[in-house]
C-alpha atoms as a PDB file:
ATOM      1  CA  MET A   1      -5.710   3.546 -12.915  1.00  0.00           C
ATOM      2  CA  PHE A   2      -2.726   1.554 -11.640  1.00  0.00           C
ATOM      3  CA  ARG A   3      -0.142   2.656 -14.204  1.00  0.00           C
ATOM      4  CA  ASN A   4       3.065   4.007 -12.588  1.00  0.00           C
ATOM      5  CA  SER A   5       6.451   5.084 -13.755  1.00  0.00           C
ATOM      6  CA  ARG A   6       9.217   2.503 -13.580  1.00  0.00           C
ATOM      7  CA  LYS A   7      11.189   4.725 -11.162  1.00  0.00           C
ATOM      8  CA  THR A   8       8.291   5.013  -8.713  1.00  0.00           C
ATOM      9  CA  ALA A   9       7.608   1.304  -8.957  1.00  0.00           C
ATOM     10  CA  THR A  10      11.244   0.469  -8.317  1.00  0.00           C
ATOM     11  CA  ILE A  11      11.381   2.779  -5.304  1.00  0.00           C
ATOM     12  CA  ALA A  12       8.205   1.296  -3.869  1.00  0.00           C
ATOM     13  CA  ALA A  13       9.349  -2.280  -4.401  1.00  0.00           C
ATOM     14  CA  THR A  14      12.757  -1.543  -2.918  1.00  0.00           C
ATOM     15  CA  ALA A  15      11.222   0.189   0.070  1.00  0.00           C
ATOM     16  CA  LEU A  16       8.849  -2.712   0.693  1.00  0.00           C
ATOM     17  CA  ALA A  17      11.667  -5.228   0.403  1.00  0.00           C
ATOM     18  CA  LEU A  18      13.736  -3.189   2.839  1.00  0.00           C
ATOM     19  CA  VAL A  19      10.960  -3.003   5.414  1.00  0.00           C
ATOM     20  CA  LEU A  20      10.150  -6.659   5.100  1.00  0.00           C
ATOM     21  CA  SER A  21      13.813  -7.617   5.352  1.00  0.00           C
ATOM     22  CA  LEU A  22      14.256  -5.472   8.453  1.00  0.00           C
ATOM     23  CA  GLY A  23      11.137  -6.741  10.138  1.00  0.00           C
ATOM     24  CA  GLN A  24      10.725 -10.137  11.671  1.00  0.00           C
ATOM     25  CA  PRO A  25       8.393 -12.634  10.046  1.00  0.00           C
ATOM     26  CA  LEU A  26       4.750 -11.849  10.735  1.00  0.00           C
ATOM     27  CA  THR A  27       4.378 -15.120  12.618  1.00  0.00           C
ATOM     28  CA  ALA A  28       7.191 -14.297  15.070  1.00  0.00           C
ATOM     29  CA  GLN A  29       6.247 -10.749  16.010  1.00  0.00           C
ATOM     30  CA  GLU A  30       7.344  -9.222  19.266  1.00  0.00           C
ATOM     31  CA  SER A  31       4.627  -7.737  21.360  1.00  0.00           C
ATOM     32  CA  PHE A  32       4.708  -3.989  21.831  1.00  0.00           C
ATOM     33  CA  THR A  33       2.661  -1.890  24.149  1.00  0.00           C
ATOM     34  CA  ASP A  34      -0.110   0.204  22.682  1.00  0.00           C
ATOM     35  CA  GLU A  35       1.903   3.278  23.696  1.00  0.00           C
ATOM     36  CA  HIS A  36       4.970   2.036  21.817  1.00  0.00           C
ATOM     37  CA  ILE A  37       2.990   1.356  18.618  1.00  0.00           C
ATOM     38  CA  ALA A  38       1.183   4.696  18.950  1.00  0.00           C
ATOM     39  CA  ALA A  39       4.535   6.478  19.308  1.00  0.00           C
ATOM     40  CA  ALA A  40       5.881   4.591  16.294  1.00  0.00           C
ATOM     41  CA  ARG A  41       2.754   5.443  14.276  1.00  0.00           C
ATOM     42  CA  ASP A  42       3.144   9.124  15.166  1.00  0.00           C
ATOM     43  CA  ALA A  43       6.846   9.140  14.270  1.00  0.00           C
ATOM     44  CA  VAL A  44       6.283   7.277  10.991  1.00  0.00           C
ATOM     45  CA  SER A  45       3.373   9.550  10.098  1.00  0.00           C
ATOM     46  CA  SER A  46       5.247  12.722  11.031  1.00  0.00           C
ATOM     47  CA  ALA A  47       8.258  11.592   8.982  1.00  0.00           C
ATOM     48  CA  ASN A  48       6.080  10.654   5.996  1.00  0.00           C
ATOM     49  CA  ALA A  49       8.082   7.441   6.084  1.00  0.00           C
ATOM     50  CA  ILE A  50       5.232   5.284   4.887  1.00  0.00           C
ATOM     51  CA  ARG A  51       4.476   7.188   1.686  1.00  0.00           C
ATOM     52  CA  ALA A  52       7.020   5.127  -0.241  1.00  0.00           C
ATOM     53  CA  PHE A  53       4.678   2.145   0.131  1.00  0.00           C
ATOM     54  CA  ASP A  54       1.671   3.841  -1.431  1.00  0.00           C
ATOM     55  CA  ASN A  55       2.605   2.367  -4.792  1.00  0.00           C
ATOM     56  CA  VAL A  56       3.136  -1.229  -3.665  1.00  0.00           C
ATOM     57  CA  LEU A  57      -0.389  -2.436  -4.436  1.00  0.00           C
ATOM     58  CA  PRO A  58      -0.612  -0.585  -7.769  1.00  0.00           C
ATOM     59  CA  LEU A  59       2.784  -2.034  -8.704  1.00  0.00           C
ATOM     60  CA  MET A  60       1.627  -5.547  -7.866  1.00  0.00           C
ATOM     61  CA  ALA A  61      -1.592  -4.976  -9.804  1.00  0.00           C
ATOM     62  CA  ASP A  62       0.375  -3.772 -12.811  1.00  0.00           C
ATOM     63  CA  ARG A  63       2.682  -6.794 -12.691  1.00  0.00           C
ATOM     64  CA  THR A  64      -0.272  -9.145 -12.305  1.00  0.00           C
ATOM     65  CA  ARG A  65      -2.073  -7.453 -15.201  1.00  0.00           C
ATOM     66  CA  THR A  66       1.023  -7.782 -17.404  1.00  0.00           C
ATOM     67  CA  LEU A  67       1.471 -11.450 -16.502  1.00  0.00           C
ATOM     68  CA  PHE A  68      -2.103 -12.369 -17.373  1.00  0.00           C
ATOM     69  CA  ILE A  69      -2.220 -10.248 -20.536  1.00  0.00           C
ATOM     70  CA  GLN A  70       1.005 -11.839 -21.814  1.00  0.00           C
ATOM     71  CA  ASN A  71      -0.579 -15.253 -21.393  1.00  0.00           C
ATOM     72  CA  ASN A  72      -3.960 -14.281 -22.812  1.00  0.00           C
ATOM     73  CA  PRO A  73      -3.942 -10.957 -24.709  1.00  0.00           C
ATOM     74  CA  ALA A  74      -7.403 -11.620 -26.160  1.00  0.00           C
ATOM     75  CA  ASN A  75      -8.921 -11.082 -22.714  1.00  0.00           C
ATOM     76  CA  THR A  76      -7.206  -7.779 -21.895  1.00  0.00           C
ATOM     77  CA  ALA A  77     -10.403  -5.933 -20.988  1.00  0.00           C
ATOM     78  CA  MET A  78     -11.578  -8.701 -18.662  1.00  0.00           C
ATOM     79  CA  ILE A  79      -8.114  -9.002 -17.106  1.00  0.00           C
ATOM     80  CA  ASP A  80      -8.012  -5.228 -16.463  1.00  0.00           C
ATOM     81  CA  GLU A  81     -11.417  -5.368 -14.809  1.00  0.00           C
ATOM     82  CA  VAL A  82     -10.588  -8.374 -12.609  1.00  0.00           C
ATOM     83  CA  VAL A  83      -7.160  -7.040 -11.603  1.00  0.00           C
ATOM     84  CA  ASN A  84      -8.638  -3.643 -10.677  1.00  0.00           C
ATOM     85  CA  GLU A  85     -11.453  -5.225  -8.643  1.00  0.00           C
ATOM     86  CA  THR A  86      -9.021  -7.537  -6.884  1.00  0.00           C
ATOM     87  CA  ALA A  87      -6.553  -4.746  -6.128  1.00  0.00           C
ATOM     88  CA  LEU A  88      -9.312  -2.547  -4.720  1.00  0.00           C
ATOM     89  CA  GLY A  89     -10.455  -5.460  -2.564  1.00  0.00           C
ATOM     90  CA  LEU A  90      -6.942  -5.999  -1.256  1.00  0.00           C
ATOM     91  CA  ALA A  91      -6.452  -2.297  -0.482  1.00  0.00           C
ATOM     92  CA  GLU A  92      -8.277  -2.799   2.812  1.00  0.00           C
ATOM     93  CA  ARG A  93      -5.305  -4.903   3.946  1.00  0.00           C
ATOM     94  CA  ARG A  94      -2.922  -1.910   3.834  1.00  0.00           C
ATOM     95  CA  PRO A  95      -3.047  -1.554   7.640  1.00  0.00           C
ATOM     96  CA  GLU A  96      -1.168  -4.879   7.833  1.00  0.00           C
ATOM     97  CA  LEU A  97       1.800  -3.280   6.077  1.00  0.00           C
ATOM     98  CA  ASN A  98       1.521  -0.153   8.199  1.00  0.00           C
ATOM     99  CA  ARG A  99       1.614  -2.278  11.351  1.00  0.00           C
ATOM    100  CA  VAL A 100       4.818  -4.009  10.160  1.00  0.00           C
ATOM    101  CA  VAL A 101       6.412  -0.608   9.531  1.00  0.00           C
ATOM    102  CA  TYR A 102       5.381   0.627  12.986  1.00  0.00           C
ATOM    103  CA  GLU A 103       6.887  -2.492  14.535  1.00  0.00           C
ATOM    104  CA  VAL A 104      10.140  -2.008  12.598  1.00  0.00           C
ATOM    105  CA  TRP A 105      10.414   1.468  14.083  1.00  0.00           C
ATOM    106  CA  ALA A 106       9.295   0.295  17.548  1.00  0.00           C
ATOM    107  CA  ARG A 107      11.944  -2.438  17.470  1.00  0.00           C
ATOM    108  CA  ARG A 108      14.677   0.130  16.908  1.00  0.00           C
ATOM    109  CA  PHE A 109      13.517   3.079  19.026  1.00  0.00           C
ATOM    110  CA  THR A 110      12.194   3.491  22.529  1.00  0.00           C
ATOM    111  CA  VAL A 111       8.887   5.238  23.149  1.00  0.00           C
ATOM    112  CA  GLU A 112      10.765   8.366  24.220  1.00  0.00           C
ATOM    113  CA  GLU A 113      12.961   8.328  21.109  1.00  0.00           C
ATOM    114  CA  LEU A 114       9.921   7.903  18.888  1.00  0.00           C
ATOM    115  CA  LYS A 115       8.259  10.867  20.562  1.00  0.00           C
ATOM    116  CA  GLU A 116      11.396  12.951  19.976  1.00  0.00           C
ATOM    117  CA  LEU A 117      11.485  11.901  16.326  1.00  0.00           C
ATOM    118  CA  ALA A 118       7.817  12.792  15.878  1.00  0.00           C
ATOM    119  CA  ALA A 119       8.419  16.161  17.509  1.00  0.00           C
ATOM    120  CA  PHE A 120      11.361  16.809  15.176  1.00  0.00           C
ATOM    121  CA  TYR A 121       9.406  15.855  12.051  1.00  0.00           C
ATOM    122  CA  LYS A 122       6.624  18.212  13.086  1.00  0.00           C
ATOM    123  CA  THR A 123       9.019  21.171  13.030  1.00  0.00           C
ATOM    124  CA  PRO A 124       9.503  23.144   9.806  1.00  0.00           C
ATOM    125  CA  LEU A 125      12.986  21.640   9.411  1.00  0.00           C
ATOM    126  CA  GLY A 126      11.695  18.127  10.019  1.00  0.00           C
ATOM    127  CA  GLN A 127       8.890  18.622   7.503  1.00  0.00           C
ATOM    128  CA  LYS A 128      11.352  19.934   4.940  1.00  0.00           C
ATOM    129  CA  TYR A 129      13.688  17.013   5.592  1.00  0.00           C
ATOM    130  CA  SER A 130      10.920  14.434   5.190  1.00  0.00           C
ATOM    131  CA  LYS A 131       9.990  15.985   1.840  1.00  0.00           C
ATOM    132  CA  VAL A 132      13.535  16.051   0.439  1.00  0.00           C
ATOM    133  CA  GLU A 133      14.863  12.870   2.061  1.00  0.00           C
ATOM    134  CA  PRO A 134      14.038  10.542  -0.865  1.00  0.00           C
ATOM    135  CA  GLU A 135      15.794  12.924  -3.265  1.00  0.00           C
ATOM    136  CA  LEU A 136      18.756  13.255  -0.887  1.00  0.00           C
ATOM    137  CA  ARG A 137      19.018   9.479  -0.632  1.00  0.00           C
ATOM    138  CA  ALA A 138      18.820   9.003  -4.407  1.00  0.00           C
ATOM    139  CA  LEU A 139      21.380  11.739  -5.078  1.00  0.00           C
ATOM    140  CA  SER A 140      23.698  10.384  -2.396  1.00  0.00           C
ATOM    141  CA  ILE A 141      23.479   6.874  -3.837  1.00  0.00           C
ATOM    142  CA  GLY A 142      24.176   8.315  -7.285  1.00  0.00           C
ATOM    143  CA  ALA A 143      27.169  10.253  -5.962  1.00  0.00           C
ATOM    144  CA  ALA A 144      28.521   7.139  -4.240  1.00  0.00           C
ATOM    145  CA  LYS A 145      28.130   5.118  -7.437  1.00  0.00           C
ATOM    146  CA  GLN A 146      29.852   7.805  -9.509  1.00  0.00           C
ATOM    147  CA  TRP A 147      32.685   8.073  -6.972  1.00  0.00           C
ATOM    148  CA  GLY A 148      33.000   4.275  -6.893  1.00  0.00           C
ATOM    149  CA  ASP A 149      33.215   4.133 -10.679  1.00  0.00           C
ATOM    150  CA  VAL A 150      36.022   6.721 -10.697  1.00  0.00           C
ATOM    151  CA  ILE A 151      37.907   4.949  -7.897  1.00  0.00           C
ATOM    152  CA  SER A 152      37.432   1.573  -9.585  1.00  0.00           C
ATOM    153  CA  THR A 153      38.907   2.877 -12.846  1.00  0.00           C
ATOM    154  CA  GLU A 154      41.800   4.468 -10.980  1.00  0.00           C
ATOM    155  CA  MET A 155      42.409   1.290  -8.980  1.00  0.00           C
ATOM    156  CA  VAL A 156      42.486  -0.871 -12.114  1.00  0.00           C
ATOM    157  CA  THR A 157      44.962   1.540 -13.738  1.00  0.00           C
ATOM    158  CA  LEU A 158      47.228   1.669 -10.683  1.00  0.00           C
ATOM    159  CA  VAL A 159      47.157  -2.108 -10.166  1.00  0.00           C
ATOM    160  CA  ARG A 160      47.871  -2.707 -13.869  1.00  0.00           C
ATOM    161  CA  GLU A 161      50.852  -0.310 -13.754  1.00  0.00           C
ATOM    162  CA  GLU A 162      52.263  -1.905 -10.592  1.00  0.00           C
ATOM    163  CA  LEU A 163      51.804  -5.438 -11.900  1.00  0.00           C
ATOM    164  CA  THR A 164      53.499  -4.450 -15.176  1.00  0.00           C
ATOM    165  CA  LYS A 165      56.493  -3.074 -13.214  1.00  0.00           C
ATOM    166  CA  ARG A 166      56.763  -6.156 -11.022  1.00  0.00           C
ATOM    167  CA  LEU A 167      56.437  -8.582 -13.911  1.00  0.00           C
ATOM    168  CA  ALA A 168      59.081  -6.667 -15.848  1.00  0.00           C
ATOM    169  CA  ALA A 169      61.377  -6.803 -12.795  1.00  0.00           C
ATOM    170  CA  GLN A 170      60.812 -10.569 -12.464  1.00  0.00           C
ATOM    171  CA  GLU A 171      61.580 -11.113 -16.135  1.00  0.00           C
ATOM    172  CA  SER A 172      64.798  -9.084 -15.968  1.00  0.00           C
ATOM    173  CA  GLN A 173      65.952 -11.102 -12.939  1.00  0.00           C
ATOM    174  CA  ALA A 174      65.063 -14.416 -14.585  1.00  0.00           C
ATOM    175  CA  THR A 175      66.859 -13.635 -17.852  1.00  0.00           C
ATOM    176  CA  PRO A 176      70.588 -14.354 -17.500  1.00  0.00           C
ATOM    177  CA  GLU A 177      72.788 -11.606 -18.768  1.00  0.00           C
ATOM    178  CA  ALA A 178      74.735 -12.366 -21.878  1.00  0.00           C
ATOM    179  CA  PRO A 179      78.490 -12.792 -21.274  1.00  0.00           C
ATOM    180  CA  ALA A 180      80.582  -9.817 -22.228  1.00  0.00           C
ATOM    181  CA  GLN A 181      82.900 -10.366 -25.286  1.00  0.00           C
END
């Protein structure tokens, strides 16, 4: 029931960590008007920006299941049952996460900007973008990593060559020339 691919789990965990790192602690929340939160909710919903968090609870359930099964494999069936019941019970707390996401957006955009974003994401182009954005991000990160690897290799080669030249020059200056006979 709560089994997910490692890639999906990693994306969900990363996304949650990002949101939580961008948001302020839950105890020190700013207050936003109902209109501001409603605009943020509409923008987030229109952008499908919250879908990345759909796997957070299943990921946590899977990790919890694994932890308990490693410690007590003889009780696997009972552990599965308890973890599933607990996860389903905690699912009702999902609105807490949604609220944090809305506040993250509200903190960074005005009501008017949020309305413009929602309007954009409701267009065919905006809908297409929201569907391909995770893939675009992943491919862009991959391209940046690949480019960085190439540049890193080139930099090491160039630095090694330059250091070799300079060290050779230092050695030739430090070695006295033999007298001519």
